[in-house]
Protein backbone atom coordinates (compact mmCIF):
# COMPACT_ATOMS: atom_id res chain seq x y z
CA MET A 1 80.15 -64.69 94.67
CA LYS A 2 83.65 -64.84 96.09
CA ARG A 3 84.60 -67.53 98.56
CA THR A 4 86.25 -66.61 101.86
CA ILE A 5 89.66 -67.61 103.16
CA MET A 6 91.41 -66.81 106.42
CA PHE A 7 95.05 -67.27 107.32
CA LEU A 8 95.49 -68.04 111.01
CA CYS A 9 98.64 -67.75 113.09
CA THR A 10 99.44 -67.26 116.74
CA GLY A 11 99.81 -63.49 116.88
CA ASN A 12 98.62 -62.24 113.47
CA SER A 13 101.74 -60.10 113.29
CA CYS A 14 103.87 -61.66 110.56
CA ARG A 15 103.18 -64.95 108.71
CA SER A 16 99.39 -64.74 108.52
CA GLN A 17 99.63 -61.10 107.46
CA MET A 18 102.12 -61.98 104.72
CA ALA A 19 99.85 -64.79 103.52
CA GLU A 20 96.88 -62.42 103.47
CA GLY A 21 98.85 -59.90 101.40
CA PHE A 22 99.99 -62.50 98.86
CA CYS A 23 96.54 -64.06 98.63
CA ARG A 24 94.96 -60.68 97.92
CA LYS A 25 97.57 -60.10 95.21
CA HIS A 26 97.33 -63.50 93.50
CA TRP A 27 93.79 -64.66 94.31
CA GLY A 28 91.84 -61.56 95.35
CA HIS A 29 89.62 -61.94 92.29
CA ILE A 30 88.39 -65.28 93.70
CA PHE A 31 88.58 -64.80 97.48
CA ASP A 32 87.65 -62.35 100.17
CA VAL A 33 90.83 -62.67 102.21
CA TYR A 34 91.27 -62.36 105.97
CA SER A 35 93.94 -63.05 108.54
CA ALA A 36 93.76 -63.40 112.29
CA GLY A 37 95.59 -64.78 115.29
CA THR A 38 94.72 -66.83 118.30
CA LYS A 39 96.10 -63.79 120.19
CA LYS A 40 97.13 -60.26 119.16
CA HIS A 41 100.82 -59.43 119.04
CA GLY A 42 100.71 -56.20 117.02
CA MET A 43 102.11 -55.79 113.53
CA ASN A 44 105.71 -56.78 113.00
CA ASP A 45 107.64 -53.86 111.48
CA ARG A 46 110.10 -56.13 109.71
CA ALA A 47 107.28 -58.10 108.09
CA VAL A 48 105.80 -54.83 106.83
CA LYS A 49 109.23 -53.81 105.51
CA VAL A 50 109.99 -57.01 103.58
CA MET A 51 106.50 -57.12 102.10
CA LYS A 52 106.90 -53.54 100.89
CA GLU A 53 110.05 -54.68 99.08
CA VAL A 54 107.86 -56.89 96.87
CA GLY A 55 105.17 -54.25 96.35
CA ILE A 56 102.67 -55.27 99.02
CA ASP A 57 101.74 -52.60 101.55
CA LEU A 58 100.78 -53.97 104.95
CA SER A 59 101.18 -50.62 106.72
CA SER A 60 97.42 -50.25 107.23
CA HIS A 61 97.01 -53.83 108.52
CA PHE A 62 96.56 -54.49 112.21
CA SER A 63 96.80 -57.53 114.43
CA LYS A 64 93.42 -59.07 115.27
CA THR A 65 91.85 -62.21 116.66
CA THR A 66 89.19 -64.32 114.98
CA ALA A 67 86.58 -62.71 117.24
CA GLU A 68 87.34 -59.34 115.59
CA LEU A 69 86.66 -60.53 112.05
CA PRO A 70 83.36 -59.78 110.33
CA PRO A 71 80.73 -62.44 111.02
CA VAL A 72 81.09 -64.20 107.67
CA PRO A 73 81.39 -67.94 107.17
CA MET A 74 84.90 -69.01 106.18
CA ASN A 75 85.11 -71.44 103.29
CA PHE A 76 88.78 -72.10 104.04
CA VAL A 77 91.01 -71.60 107.05
CA VAL A 78 94.75 -72.03 106.55
CA THR A 79 96.83 -72.31 109.70
CA VAL A 80 100.36 -71.09 109.01
CA CYS A 81 102.01 -72.15 112.26
CA ASP A 82 101.90 -75.27 114.40
CA ALA A 83 100.56 -73.46 117.48
CA ALA A 84 97.59 -72.12 115.52
CA LYS A 85 96.94 -75.61 114.16
CA GLU A 86 96.76 -76.97 117.70
CA SER A 87 94.42 -74.23 118.95
CA CYS A 88 92.41 -73.55 115.78
CA PRO A 89 88.84 -72.52 116.63
CA TYR A 90 85.92 -74.35 115.06
CA PHE A 91 84.63 -72.92 111.79
CA PRO A 92 81.34 -74.54 110.77
CA GLY A 93 81.48 -75.68 107.17
CA GLY A 94 84.99 -74.37 106.62
CA LYS A 95 87.78 -76.57 105.34
CA ILE A 96 90.86 -76.30 107.55
CA VAL A 97 94.27 -76.78 105.95
CA HIS A 98 97.66 -76.60 107.64
CA LYS A 99 100.86 -75.23 106.09
CA SER A 100 103.51 -74.37 108.64
CA PHE A 101 106.17 -71.73 108.09
CA GLN A 102 109.05 -70.86 110.40
CA ASP A 103 108.51 -67.85 112.66
CA PRO A 104 110.90 -65.03 111.67
CA PRO A 105 110.80 -63.29 115.09
CA ALA A 106 111.71 -66.56 116.82
CA LEU A 107 114.39 -67.38 114.24
CA THR A 108 116.06 -64.01 114.68
CA ARG A 109 115.57 -63.45 118.41
CA ASP A 110 119.30 -63.66 119.24
CA MET A 111 120.60 -62.05 116.05
CA LYS A 112 122.14 -58.58 116.08
CA ASP A 113 122.89 -57.94 112.40
CA GLU A 114 119.84 -56.28 110.82
CA GLU A 115 120.62 -57.53 107.31
CA GLU A 116 120.90 -61.12 108.57
CA ILE A 117 117.59 -60.68 110.37
CA LEU A 118 115.90 -59.33 107.24
CA GLU A 119 117.29 -62.20 105.15
CA ASN A 120 115.38 -64.62 107.40
CA TYR A 121 112.20 -62.58 107.01
CA ARG A 122 112.69 -62.50 103.24
CA ARG A 123 113.23 -66.25 103.05
CA VAL A 124 110.02 -66.98 104.95
CA ARG A 125 108.19 -64.32 102.90
CA ASP A 126 109.29 -66.01 99.69
CA GLU A 127 108.26 -69.45 100.99
CA ILE A 128 104.82 -68.07 101.83
CA GLU A 129 104.42 -66.52 98.39
CA LYS A 130 105.44 -69.78 96.71
CA ALA A 131 102.78 -71.65 98.70
CA ILE A 132 100.11 -69.02 98.00
CA LYS A 133 100.83 -69.12 94.27
CA LYS A 134 99.97 -72.85 94.47
CA LEU A 135 96.83 -72.23 96.51
CA PRO A 136 94.60 -74.74 94.62
CA ALA A 137 97.04 -77.55 95.44
CA LEU A 138 97.34 -76.37 99.05
CA LEU A 139 93.56 -76.34 99.45
CA GLY A 140 93.05 -79.53 97.45
CA GLU A 141 90.51 -77.65 95.33
CA GLU A 142 90.01 -76.45 91.80
CA LEU A 143 89.62 -72.67 91.79
């Protein structure tokens, strides 16, 4: 039986969605993968775009809160931003791990050049994939 993992962020629009996509790609044979936010911000179009560049389609994903997830126990919860770490809900029996990534929308808020904006999204995307590829170390578990 697969174990469950959820990636939690503030708005479930960018970082947690990217982490979900990479986890499905690299560890979907071991985990049922979810993502959620402490609030809903809607999907970030630039996140969808840069993930498509690496062959991961997030176009059918949608922003959701933990209350909207199926009622399954989470074996692992990975918070991917500091705000989610501070307001992480209680998950009975689940191991909570924190790995913070910069927020591309916040990083690029005052930028005008679309290519410069996308470079920031790509950098964070690549950092997330690097962390997900090393998931056993991140979780402190043998998989």
